């Protein structure tokens, strides 16, 4: 189940498309809490430092489709635990069968 989905489809002039992408680029550059003006409303997003991106261009029947997809997790990052101790050595296994184990001979 999707927590939230916002989708907007409308015709734009080249200038309007550039303005929308510029606003998105500014929000990405700033990071943190970003607000994007999208038509009649505002979309607020928290944008982390690390993102996953996908760019897709499809040309079909005289029509070009350009998709720019950005993904990130909403889960907070866990801080790495500092290592204060060396890992404990694993005890050596005893051969409980009383026979010596050897590697098979190569042909």
PDB file of N, CA and C in Angstrom:
ATOM      1  N   UNK A   1       0.843  -1.165   0.000  1.00  0.00           N
ATOM      2  CA  UNK A   1       0.000   0.000   0.000  1.00  0.00           C
ATOM      3  C   UNK A   1       0.897   1.240   0.000  1.00  0.00           C
ATOM      4  N   UNK A   2       0.555   2.218  -0.791  1.00  0.00           N
ATOM      5  CA  UNK A   2       1.293   3.461  -0.884  1.00  0.00           C
ATOM      6  C   UNK A   2       0.844   4.411   0.216  1.00  0.00           C
ATOM      7  N   UNK A   3       1.815   5.013   0.910  1.00  0.00           N
ATOM      8  CA  UNK A   3       1.482   5.977   1.960  1.00  0.00           C
ATOM      9  C   UNK A   3       0.884   7.249   1.372  1.00  0.00           C
ATOM     10  N   UNK A   4       1.433   7.698   0.259  1.00  0.00           N
ATOM     11  CA  UNK A   4       0.962   8.923  -0.387  1.00  0.00           C
ATOM     12  C   UNK A   4       1.345   8.862  -1.849  1.00  0.00           C
ATOM     13  N   UNK A   5       0.470   9.302  -2.694  1.00  0.00           N
ATOM     14  CA  UNK A   5       0.788   9.403  -4.117  1.00  0.00           C
ATOM     15  C   UNK A   5       0.212  10.712  -4.629  1.00  0.00           C
ATOM     16  N   UNK A   6       1.053  11.490  -5.282  1.00  0.00           N
ATOM     17  CA  UNK A   6       0.634  12.740  -5.903  1.00  0.00           C
ATOM     18  C   UNK A   6       0.990  12.639  -7.370  1.00  0.00           C
ATOM     19  N   UNK A   7       0.054  12.899  -8.227  1.00  0.00           N
ATOM     20  CA  UNK A   7       0.316  12.830  -9.658  1.00  0.00           C
ATOM     21  C   UNK A   7      -0.355  14.027 -10.308  1.00  0.00           C
ATOM     22  N   UNK A   8       0.380  14.652 -11.192  1.00  0.00           N
ATOM     23  CA  UNK A   8      -0.156  15.829 -11.875  1.00  0.00           C
ATOM     24  C   UNK A   8       0.167  15.708 -13.358  1.00  0.00           C
ATOM     25  N   UNK A   9      -0.841  15.839 -14.175  1.00  0.00           N
ATOM     26  CA  UNK A   9      -0.651  15.813 -15.621  1.00  0.00           C
ATOM     27  C   UNK A   9      -1.255  17.083 -16.187  1.00  0.00           C
ATOM     28  N   UNK A  10      -0.468  17.830 -16.926  1.00  0.00           N
ATOM     29  CA  UNK A  10      -0.968  19.050 -17.552  1.00  0.00           C
ATOM     30  C   UNK A  10      -0.017  19.475 -18.652  1.00  0.00           C
ATOM     31  N   UNK A  11      -0.500  20.303 -19.527  1.00  0.00           N
ATOM     32  CA  UNK A  11       0.331  20.847 -20.600  1.00  0.00           C
ATOM     33  C   UNK A  11       1.099  22.047 -20.067  1.00  0.00           C
ATOM     34  N   UNK A  12       2.371  22.131 -20.440  1.00  0.00           N
ATOM     35  CA  UNK A  12       3.240  23.223 -20.011  1.00  0.00           C
ATOM     36  C   UNK A  12       3.942  23.828 -21.208  1.00  0.00           C
ATOM     37  N   UNK A  13       4.265  25.088 -21.097  1.00  0.00           N
ATOM     38  CA  UNK A  13       5.167  25.680 -22.088  1.00  0.00           C
ATOM     39  C   UNK A  13       6.588  25.233 -21.724  1.00  0.00           C
ATOM     40  N   UNK A  14       7.501  25.404 -22.634  1.00  0.00           N
ATOM     41  CA  UNK A  14       8.893  25.054 -22.369  1.00  0.00           C
ATOM     42  C   UNK A  14       9.406  25.863 -21.170  1.00  0.00           C
ATOM     43  N   UNK A  15       9.030  27.138 -21.082  1.00  0.00           N
ATOM     44  CA  UNK A  15       9.456  27.996 -19.969  1.00  0.00           C
ATOM     45  C   UNK A  15       8.893  27.493 -18.635  1.00  0.00           C
ATOM     46  N   UNK A  16       7.620  27.088 -18.634  1.00  0.00           N
ATOM     47  CA  UNK A  16       7.007  26.571 -17.406  1.00  0.00           C
ATOM     48  C   UNK A  16       7.682  25.275 -16.957  1.00  0.00           C
ATOM     49  N   UNK A  17       8.006  24.417 -17.923  1.00  0.00           N
ATOM     50  CA  UNK A  17       8.706  23.174 -17.600  1.00  0.00           C
ATOM     51  C   UNK A  17      10.077  23.489 -17.007  1.00  0.00           C
ATOM     52  N   UNK A  18      10.786  24.451 -17.593  1.00  0.00           N
ATOM     53  CA  UNK A  18      12.105  24.849 -17.082  1.00  0.00           C
ATOM     54  C   UNK A  18      11.987  25.419 -15.668  1.00  0.00           C
ATOM     55  N   UNK A  19      10.959  26.230 -15.422  1.00  0.00           N
ATOM     56  CA  UNK A  19      10.749  26.797 -14.092  1.00  0.00           C
ATOM     57  C   UNK A  19      10.484  25.706 -13.055  1.00  0.00           C
ATOM     58  N   UNK A  20       9.692  24.710 -13.445  1.00  0.00           N
ATOM     59  CA  UNK A  20       9.381  23.608 -12.540  1.00  0.00           C
ATOM     60  C   UNK A  20      10.642  22.799 -12.221  1.00  0.00           C
ATOM     61  N   UNK A  21      11.446  22.535 -13.243  1.00  0.00           N
ATOM     62  CA  UNK A  21      12.691  21.797 -13.023  1.00  0.00           C
ATOM     63  C   UNK A  21      13.693  22.618 -12.205  1.00  0.00           C
ATOM     64  N   UNK A  22      13.723  23.933 -12.421  1.00  0.00           N
ATOM     65  CA  UNK A  22      14.613  24.796 -11.649  1.00  0.00           C
ATOM     66  C   UNK A  22      14.221  24.791 -10.174  1.00  0.00           C
ATOM     67  N   UNK A  23      12.917  24.851  -9.898  1.00  0.00           N
ATOM     68  CA  UNK A  23      12.443  24.805  -8.514  1.00  0.00           C
ATOM     69  C   UNK A  23      12.813  23.478  -7.863  1.00  0.00           C
ATOM     70  N   UNK A  24      12.691  22.388  -8.611  1.00  0.00           N
ATOM     71  CA  UNK A  24      13.078  21.076  -8.104  1.00  0.00           C
ATOM     72  C   UNK A  24      14.587  21.016  -7.860  1.00  0.00           C
ATOM     73  N   UNK A  25      15.368  21.551  -8.797  1.00  0.00           N
ATOM     74  CA  UNK A  25      16.835  21.563  -8.647  1.00  0.00           C
ATOM     75  C   UNK A  25      17.233  22.378  -7.420  1.00  0.00           C
ATOM     76  N   UNK A  26      16.588  23.510  -7.196  1.00  0.00           N
ATOM     77  CA  UNK A  26      16.883  24.331  -6.020  1.00  0.00           C
ATOM     78  C   UNK A  26      16.567  23.577  -4.735  1.00  0.00           C
ATOM     79  N   UNK A  27      15.429  22.878  -4.718  1.00  0.00           N
ATOM     80  CA  UNK A  27      15.045  22.097  -3.543  1.00  0.00           C
ATOM     81  C   UNK A  27      16.052  20.976  -3.288  1.00  0.00           C
ATOM     82  N   UNK A  28      16.510  20.317  -4.350  1.00  0.00           N
ATOM     83  CA  UNK A  28      17.505  19.255  -4.208  1.00  0.00           C
ATOM     84  C   UNK A  28      18.833  19.822  -3.698  1.00  0.00           C
ATOM     85  N   UNK A  29      19.219  20.959  -4.215  1.00  0.00           N
ATOM     86  CA  UNK A  29      20.476  21.582  -3.821  1.00  0.00           C
ATOM     87  C   UNK A  29      20.466  21.944  -2.338  1.00  0.00           C
ATOM     88  N   UNK A  30      19.339  22.465  -1.883  1.00  0.00           N
ATOM     89  CA  UNK A  30      19.211  22.872  -0.474  1.00  0.00           C
ATOM     90  C   UNK A  30      19.104  21.662   0.447  1.00  0.00           C
ATOM     91  N   UNK A  31      18.363  20.645   0.009  1.00  0.00           N
ATOM     92  CA  UNK A  31      18.155  19.464   0.843  1.00  0.00           C
ATOM     93  C   UNK A  31      17.266  19.777   2.029  1.00  0.00           C
ATOM     94  N   UNK A  32      17.163  18.832   2.935  1.00  0.00           N
ATOM     95  CA  UNK A  32      16.328  19.045   4.112  1.00  0.00           C
ATOM     96  C   UNK A  32      14.866  19.162   3.733  1.00  0.00           C
ATOM     97  N   UNK A  33      14.155  20.081   4.372  1.00  0.00           N
ATOM     98  CA  UNK A  33      12.742  20.296   4.070  1.00  0.00           C
ATOM     99  C   UNK A  33      12.620  21.208   2.866  1.00  0.00           C
ATOM    100  N   UNK A  34      11.917  20.754   1.850  1.00  0.00           N
ATOM    101  CA  UNK A  34      11.751  21.535   0.627  1.00  0.00           C
ATOM    102  C   UNK A  34      10.272  21.680   0.325  1.00  0.00           C
ATOM    103  N   UNK A  35       9.920  22.813  -0.247  1.00  0.00           N
ATOM    104  CA  UNK A  35       8.546  23.044  -0.680  1.00  0.00           C
ATOM    105  C   UNK A  35       8.549  23.357  -2.161  1.00  0.00           C
ATOM    106  N   UNK A  36       7.720  22.647  -2.900  1.00  0.00           N
ATOM    107  CA  UNK A  36       7.608  22.844  -4.343  1.00  0.00           C
ATOM    108  C   UNK A  36       6.218  23.351  -4.671  1.00  0.00           C
ATOM    109  N   UNK A  37       6.161  24.439  -5.407  1.00  0.00           N
ATOM    110  CA  UNK A  37       4.887  24.966  -5.874  1.00  0.00           C
ATOM    111  C   UNK A  37       4.483  24.156  -7.100  1.00  0.00           C
ATOM    112  N   UNK A  38       3.402  23.420  -6.993  1.00  0.00           N
ATOM    113  CA  UNK A  38       2.920  22.586  -8.091  1.00  0.00           C
ATOM    114  C   UNK A  38       1.478  22.966  -8.399  1.00  0.00           C
ATOM    115  N   UNK A  39       1.329  23.804  -9.392  1.00  0.00           N
ATOM    116  CA  UNK A  39      -0.021  24.229  -9.760  1.00  0.00           C
ATOM    117  C   UNK A  39      -0.667  24.987  -8.625  1.00  0.00           C
ATOM    118  N   UNK A  40      -1.865  24.560  -8.215  1.00  0.00           N
ATOM    119  CA  UNK A  40      -2.597  25.304  -7.200  1.00  0.00           C
ATOM    120  C   UNK A  40      -2.118  25.043  -5.769  1.00  0.00           C
ATOM    121  N   UNK A  41      -1.246  24.070  -5.562  1.00  0.00           N
ATOM    122  CA  UNK A  41      -0.839  23.728  -4.199  1.00  0.00           C
ATOM    123  C   UNK A  41       0.663  23.669  -4.021  1.00  0.00           C
ATOM    124  N   UNK A  42       1.059  23.347  -2.811  1.00  0.00           N
ATOM    125  CA  UNK A  42       2.464  23.233  -2.456  1.00  0.00           C
ATOM    126  C   UNK A  42       2.714  21.827  -1.933  1.00  0.00           C
ATOM    127  N   UNK A  43       3.798  21.220  -2.388  1.00  0.00           N
ATOM    128  CA  UNK A  43       4.181  19.893  -1.936  1.00  0.00           C
ATOM    129  C   UNK A  43       5.417  20.033  -1.070  1.00  0.00           C
ATOM    130  N   UNK A  44       5.336  19.573   0.171  1.00  0.00           N
ATOM    131  CA  UNK A  44       6.477  19.616   1.082  1.00  0.00           C
ATOM    132  C   UNK A  44       7.149  18.254   1.143  1.00  0.00           C
ATOM    133  N   UNK A  45       8.464  18.239   1.023  1.00  0.00           N
ATOM    134  CA  UNK A  45       9.237  16.997   1.053  1.00  0.00           C
ATOM    135  C   UNK A  45      10.465  17.173   1.929  1.00  0.00           C
ATOM    136  N   UNK A  46      10.881  16.106   2.575  1.00  0.00           N
ATOM    137  CA  UNK A  46      12.171  16.082   3.255  1.00  0.00           C
ATOM    138  C   UNK A  46      13.115  15.327   2.324  1.00  0.00           C
ATOM    139  N   UNK A  47      14.162  16.016   1.874  1.00  0.00           N
ATOM    140  CA  UNK A  47      15.082  15.433   0.896  1.00  0.00           C
ATOM    141  C   UNK A  47      16.429  15.154   1.568  1.00  0.00           C
ATOM    142  N   UNK A  48      16.840  13.874   1.608  1.00  0.00           N
ATOM    143  CA  UNK A  48      18.114  13.527   2.249  1.00  0.00           C
ATOM    144  C   UNK A  48      19.299  13.827   1.334  1.00  0.00           C
ATOM    145  N   UNK A  49      20.496  13.592   1.845  1.00  0.00           N
ATOM    146  CA  UNK A  49      21.713  13.842   1.069  1.00  0.00           C
ATOM    147  C   UNK A  49      21.927  12.806  -0.035  1.00  0.00           C
ATOM    148  N   UNK A  50      21.484  11.570   0.189  1.00  0.00           N
ATOM    149  CA  UNK A  50      21.736  10.496  -0.779  1.00  0.00           C
ATOM    150  C   UNK A  50      20.439  10.068  -1.452  1.00  0.00           C
ATOM    151  N   UNK A  51      20.466  10.045  -2.778  1.00  0.00           N
ATOM    152  CA  UNK A  51      19.302   9.689  -3.584  1.00  0.00           C
ATOM    153  C   UNK A  51      19.688   8.613  -4.591  1.00  0.00           C
ATOM    154  N   UNK A  52      18.703   7.931  -5.118  1.00  0.00           N
ATOM    155  CA  UNK A  52      18.885   6.992  -6.230  1.00  0.00           C
ATOM    156  C   UNK A  52      18.162   7.608  -7.425  1.00  0.00           C
ATOM    157  N   UNK A  53      18.807   7.623  -8.565  1.00  0.00           N
ATOM    158  CA  UNK A  53      18.158   8.239  -9.727  1.00  0.00           C
ATOM    159  C   UNK A  53      18.060   7.267 -10.892  1.00  0.00           C
ATOM    160  N   UNK A  54      17.069   7.528 -11.722  1.00  0.00           N
ATOM    161  CA  UNK A  54      16.858   6.736 -12.934  1.00  0.00           C
ATOM    162  C   UNK A  54      16.415   7.705 -14.024  1.00  0.00           C
ATOM    163  N   UNK A  55      17.047   7.624 -15.159  1.00  0.00           N
ATOM    164  CA  UNK A  55      16.709   8.474 -16.299  1.00  0.00           C
ATOM    165  C   UNK A  55      16.317   7.563 -17.451  1.00  0.00           C
ATOM    166  N   UNK A  56      15.172   7.832 -18.042  1.00  0.00           N
ATOM    167  CA  UNK A  56      14.678   6.982 -19.127  1.00  0.00           C
ATOM    168  C   UNK A  56      14.198   7.865 -20.273  1.00  0.00           C
ATOM    169  N   UNK A  57      14.637   7.546 -21.471  1.00  0.00           N
ATOM    170  CA  UNK A  57      14.181   8.238 -22.675  1.00  0.00           C
ATOM    171  C   UNK A  57      13.598   7.180 -23.598  1.00  0.00           C
ATOM    172  N   UNK A  58      12.367   7.428 -24.044  1.00  0.00           N
ATOM    173  CA  UNK A  58      11.702   6.490 -24.945  1.00  0.00           C
ATOM    174  C   UNK A  58      11.145   7.271 -26.133  1.00  0.00           C
ATOM    175  N   UNK A  59      11.470   6.810 -27.334  1.00  0.00           N
ATOM    176  CA  UNK A  59      10.954   7.428 -28.552  1.00  0.00           C
ATOM    177  C   UNK A  59      10.087   6.391 -29.240  1.00  0.00           C
ATOM    178  N   UNK A  60       8.822   6.744 -29.443  1.00  0.00           N
ATOM    179  CA  UNK A  60       7.881   5.789 -30.002  1.00  0.00           C
ATOM    180  C   UNK A  60       6.824   6.536 -30.807  1.00  0.00           C
ATOM    181  N   UNK A  61       6.714   6.208 -32.067  1.00  0.00           N
ATOM    182  CA  UNK A  61       5.669   6.775 -32.908  1.00  0.00           C
ATOM    183  C   UNK A  61       5.723   8.292 -33.015  1.00  0.00           C
ATOM    184  N   UNK A  62       6.904   8.843 -33.090  1.00  0.00           N
ATOM    185  CA  UNK A  62       7.038  10.288 -33.224  1.00  0.00           C
ATOM    186  C   UNK A  62       6.837  11.050 -31.926  1.00  0.00           C
ATOM    187  N   UNK A  63       6.819  10.360 -30.791  1.00  0.00           N
ATOM    188  CA  UNK A  63       6.656  11.003 -29.488  1.00  0.00           C
ATOM    189  C   UNK A  63       7.848  10.643 -28.604  1.00  0.00           C
ATOM    190  N   UNK A  64       8.378  11.642 -27.906  1.00  0.00           N
ATOM    191  CA  UNK A  64       9.516  11.432 -27.007  1.00  0.00           C
ATOM    192  C   UNK A  64       9.009  11.518 -25.579  1.00  0.00           C
ATOM    193  N   UNK A  65       9.398  10.538 -24.785  1.00  0.00           N
ATOM    194  CA  UNK A  65       9.044  10.530 -23.365  1.00  0.00           C
ATOM    195  C   UNK A  65      10.339  10.549 -22.561  1.00  0.00           C
ATOM    196  N   UNK A  66      10.480  11.532 -21.689  1.00  0.00           N
ATOM    197  CA  UNK A  66      11.646  11.673 -20.825  1.00  0.00           C
ATOM    198  C   UNK A  66      11.176  11.544 -19.387  1.00  0.00           C
ATOM    199  N   UNK A  67      11.685  10.540 -18.692  1.00  0.00           N
ATOM    200  CA  UNK A  67      11.320  10.335 -17.291  1.00  0.00           C
ATOM    201  C   UNK A  67      12.559  10.510 -16.433  1.00  0.00           C
ATOM    202  N   UNK A  68      12.423  11.321 -15.413  1.00  0.00           N
ATOM    203  CA  UNK A  68      13.479  11.494 -14.425  1.00  0.00           C
ATOM    204  C   UNK A  68      12.882  11.036 -13.102  1.00  0.00           C
ATOM    205  N   UNK A  69      13.458   9.998 -12.533  1.00  0.00           N
ATOM    206  CA  UNK A  69      12.923   9.435 -11.291  1.00  0.00           C
ATOM    207  C   UNK A  69      13.978   9.553 -10.207  1.00  0.00           C
ATOM    208  N   UNK A  70      13.580  10.073  -9.072  1.00  0.00           N
ATOM    209  CA  UNK A  70      14.451  10.170  -7.905  1.00  0.00           C
ATOM    210  C   UNK A  70      13.790   9.401  -6.776  1.00  0.00           C
ATOM    211  N   UNK A  71      14.570   8.569  -6.093  1.00  0.00           N
ATOM    212  CA  UNK A  71      14.041   7.780  -4.978  1.00  0.00           C
ATOM    213  C   UNK A  71      14.942   7.960  -3.773  1.00  0.00           C
ATOM    214  N   UNK A  72      14.315   7.916  -2.603  1.00  0.00           N
ATOM    215  CA  UNK A  72      15.069   7.894  -1.358  1.00  0.00           C
ATOM    216  C   UNK A  72      14.205   7.265  -0.293  1.00  0.00           C
ATOM    217  N   UNK A  73      14.844   6.831   0.751  1.00  0.00           N
ATOM    218  CA  UNK A  73      14.117   6.181   1.826  1.00  0.00           C
ATOM    219  C   UNK A  73      13.646   7.231   2.826  1.00  0.00           C
ATOM    220  N   UNK A  74      12.514   6.952   3.428  1.00  0.00           N
ATOM    221  CA  UNK A  74      12.006   7.844   4.457  1.00  0.00           C
ATOM    222  C   UNK A  74      12.440   7.396   5.847  1.00  0.00           C
ATOM    223  N   UNK A  75      13.053   6.212   5.915  1.00  0.00           N
ATOM    224  CA  UNK A  75      13.522   5.701   7.205  1.00  0.00           C
ATOM    225  C   UNK A  75      14.767   6.474   7.635  1.00  0.00           C
ATOM    226  N   UNK A  76      14.861   6.803   8.925  1.00  0.00           N
ATOM    227  CA  UNK A  76      16.064   7.502   9.384  1.00  0.00           C
ATOM    228  C   UNK A  76      17.283   6.593   9.291  1.00  0.00           C
ATOM    229  N   UNK A  77      18.415   7.204   8.979  1.00  0.00           N
ATOM    230  CA  UNK A  77      19.651   6.424   8.897  1.00  0.00           C
ATOM    231  C   UNK A  77      20.100   6.061  10.300  1.00  0.00           C
ATOM    232  N   UNK A  78      20.585   4.820  10.438  1.00  0.00           N
ATOM    233  CA  UNK A  78      21.146   4.407  11.718  1.00  0.00           C
ATOM    234  C   UNK A  78      22.615   4.776  11.736  1.00  0.00           C
ATOM    235  N   UNK A  79      23.048   5.355  12.820  1.00  0.00           N
ATOM    236  CA  UNK A  79      24.462   5.707  12.947  1.00  0.00           C
ATOM    237  C   UNK A  79      25.269   4.433  13.127  1.00  0.00           C
ATOM    238  N   UNK A  80      26.426   4.398  12.499  1.00  0.00           N
ATOM    239  CA  UNK A  80      27.295   3.227  12.624  1.00  0.00           C
ATOM    240  C   UNK A  80      27.810   3.153  14.050  1.00  0.00           C
ATOM    241  N   UNK A  81      27.790   1.949  14.620  1.00  0.00           N
ATOM    242  CA  UNK A  81      28.291   1.775  15.971  1.00  0.00           C
ATOM    243  C   UNK A  81      29.811   1.804  15.952  1.00  0.00           C
ATOM    244  N   UNK A  82      30.419   2.562  16.854  1.00  0.00           N
ATOM    245  CA  UNK A  82      31.881   2.578  16.884  1.00  0.00           C
ATOM    246  C   UNK A  82      32.403   1.250  17.383  1.00  0.00           C
ATOM    247  N   UNK A  83      33.497   0.823  16.818  1.00  0.00           N
ATOM    248  CA  UNK A  83      34.119  -0.440  17.241  1.00  0.00           C
ATOM    249  C   UNK A  83      35.118  -0.126  18.332  1.00  0.00           C
ATOM    250  N   UNK A  84      34.850  -0.639  19.514  1.00  0.00           N
ATOM    251  CA  UNK A  84      35.738  -0.381  20.639  1.00  0.00           C
ATOM    252  C   UNK A  84      36.553  -1.600  21.005  1.00  0.00           C
ATOM    253  N   UNK A  85      36.112  -2.758  20.582  1.00  0.00           N
ATOM    254  CA  UNK A  85      36.819  -3.991  20.898  1.00  0.00           C
ATOM    255  C   UNK A  85      37.107  -4.764  19.626  1.00  0.00           C
ATOM    256  N   UNK A  86      38.212  -5.493  19.655  1.00  0.00           N
ATOM    257  CA  UNK A  86      38.522  -6.383  18.540  1.00  0.00           C
ATOM    258  C   UNK A  86      37.570  -7.561  18.610  1.00  0.00           C
ATOM    259  N   UNK A  87      37.179  -8.125  17.475  1.00  0.00           N
ATOM    260  CA  UNK A  87      36.279  -9.280  17.505  1.00  0.00           C
ATOM    261  C   UNK A  87      36.926 -10.453  18.238  1.00  0.00           C
ATOM    262  N   UNK A  88      36.115 -11.167  18.991  1.00  0.00           N
ATOM    263  CA  UNK A  88      36.618 -12.317  19.734  1.00  0.00           C
ATOM    264  C   UNK A  88      37.009 -13.419  18.776  1.00  0.00           C
ATOM    265  N   UNK A  89      38.084 -14.127  19.137  1.00  0.00           N
ATOM    266  CA  UNK A  89      38.522 -15.243  18.287  1.00  0.00           C
ATOM    267  C   UNK A  89      37.553 -16.399  18.440  1.00  0.00           C
ATOM    268  N   UNK A  90      37.306 -17.083  17.344  1.00  0.00           N
ATOM    269  CA  UNK A  90      36.461 -18.258  17.363  1.00  0.00           C
ATOM    270  C   UNK A  90      37.290 -19.445  17.846  1.00  0.00           C
ATOM    271  N   UNK A  91      36.753 -20.223  18.771  1.00  0.00           N
ATOM    272  CA  UNK A  91      37.516 -21.395  19.221  1.00  0.00           C
ATOM    273  C   UNK A  91      37.656 -22.391  18.076  1.00  0.00           C
ATOM    274  N   UNK A  92      38.808 -23.060  18.064  1.00  0.00           N
ATOM    275  CA  UNK A  92      39.037 -24.055  17.013  1.00  0.00           C
ATOM    276  C   UNK A  92      38.206 -25.285  17.311  1.00  0.00           C
ATOM    277  N   UNK A  93      37.668 -25.877  16.254  1.00  0.00           N
ATOM    278  CA  UNK A  93      36.856 -27.085  16.405  1.00  0.00           C
ATOM    279  C   UNK A  93      37.747 -28.290  16.608  1.00  0.00           C
ATOM    280  N   UNK A  94      37.300 -29.156  17.472  1.00  0.00           N
ATOM    281  CA  UNK A  94      38.013 -30.411  17.669  1.00  0.00           C
ATOM    282  C   UNK A  94      37.442 -31.447  16.720  1.00  0.00           C
ATOM    283  N   UNK A  95      38.306 -32.329  16.255  1.00  0.00           N
ATOM    284  CA  UNK A  95      37.874 -33.433  15.415  1.00  0.00           C
ATOM    285  C   UNK A  95      37.376 -34.513  16.357  1.00  0.00           C
ATOM    286  N   UNK A  96      36.064 -34.662  16.429  1.00  0.00           N
ATOM    287  CA  UNK A  96      35.488 -35.586  17.404  1.00  0.00           C
ATOM    288  C   UNK A  96      35.450 -37.027  16.910  1.00  0.00           C
ATOM    289  N   UNK A  97      35.754 -37.269  15.681  1.00  0.00           N
ATOM    290  CA  UNK A  97      35.704 -38.642  15.148  1.00  0.00           C
ATOM    291  C   UNK A  97      37.018 -39.383  15.356  1.00  0.00           C
ATOM    292  N   UNK A  98      38.044 -38.679  15.703  1.00  0.00           N
ATOM    293  CA  UNK A  98      39.317 -39.336  15.924  1.00  0.00           C
ATOM    294  C   UNK A  98      40.090 -39.615  14.645  1.00  0.00           C
ATOM    295  N   UNK A  99      39.631 -39.093  13.513  1.00  0.00           N
ATOM    296  CA  UNK A  99      40.345 -39.288  12.264  1.00  0.00           C
ATOM    297  C   UNK A  99      40.864 -37.950  11.775  1.00  0.00           C
ATOM    298  N   UNK A 100      41.915 -38.006  11.045  1.00  0.00           N
ATOM    299  CA  UNK A 100      42.508 -36.786  10.509  1.00  0.00           C
ATOM    300  C   UNK A 100      41.763 -36.404   9.237  1.00  0.00           C
ATOM    301  N   UNK A 101      41.388 -35.142   9.161  1.00  0.00           N
ATOM    302  CA  UNK A 101      40.694 -34.667   7.971  1.00  0.00           C
ATOM    303  C   UNK A 101      41.712 -34.116   7.008  1.00  0.00           C
ATOM    304  N   UNK A 102      41.582 -34.531   5.748  1.00  0.00           N
ATOM    305  CA  UNK A 102      42.481 -34.029   4.727  1.00  0.00           C
ATOM    306  C   UNK A 102      41.666 -33.612   3.514  1.00  0.00           C
ATOM    307  N   UNK A 103      42.224 -32.727   2.763  1.00  0.00           N
ATOM    308  CA  UNK A 103      41.551 -32.293   1.527  1.00  0.00           C
ATOM    309  C   UNK A 103      41.687 -33.383   0.493  1.00  0.00           C
ATOM    310  N   UNK A 104      40.713 -33.566  -0.367  1.00  0.00           N
ATOM    311  CA  UNK A 104      40.822 -34.584  -1.422  1.00  0.00           C
ATOM    312  C   UNK A 104      41.971 -34.246  -2.367  1.00  0.00           C
ATOM    313  N   UNK A 105      42.625 -35.296  -2.837  1.00  0.00           N
ATOM    314  CA  UNK A 105      43.727 -35.099  -3.769  1.00  0.00           C
ATOM    315  C   UNK A 105      43.195 -34.698  -5.127  1.00  0.00           C
ATOM    316  N   UNK A 106      43.903 -33.758  -5.766  1.00  0.00           N
ATOM    317  CA  UNK A 106      43.475 -33.336  -7.086  1.00  0.00           C
ATOM    318  C   UNK A 106      43.941 -34.340  -8.115  1.00  0.00           C
ATOM    319  N   UNK A 107      43.186 -34.534  -9.195  1.00  0.00           N
ATOM    320  CA  UNK A 107      43.516 -35.556 -10.209  1.00  0.00           C
ATOM    321  C   UNK A 107      44.760 -35.238 -10.986  1.00  0.00           C
TER     322      UNK A 107
END
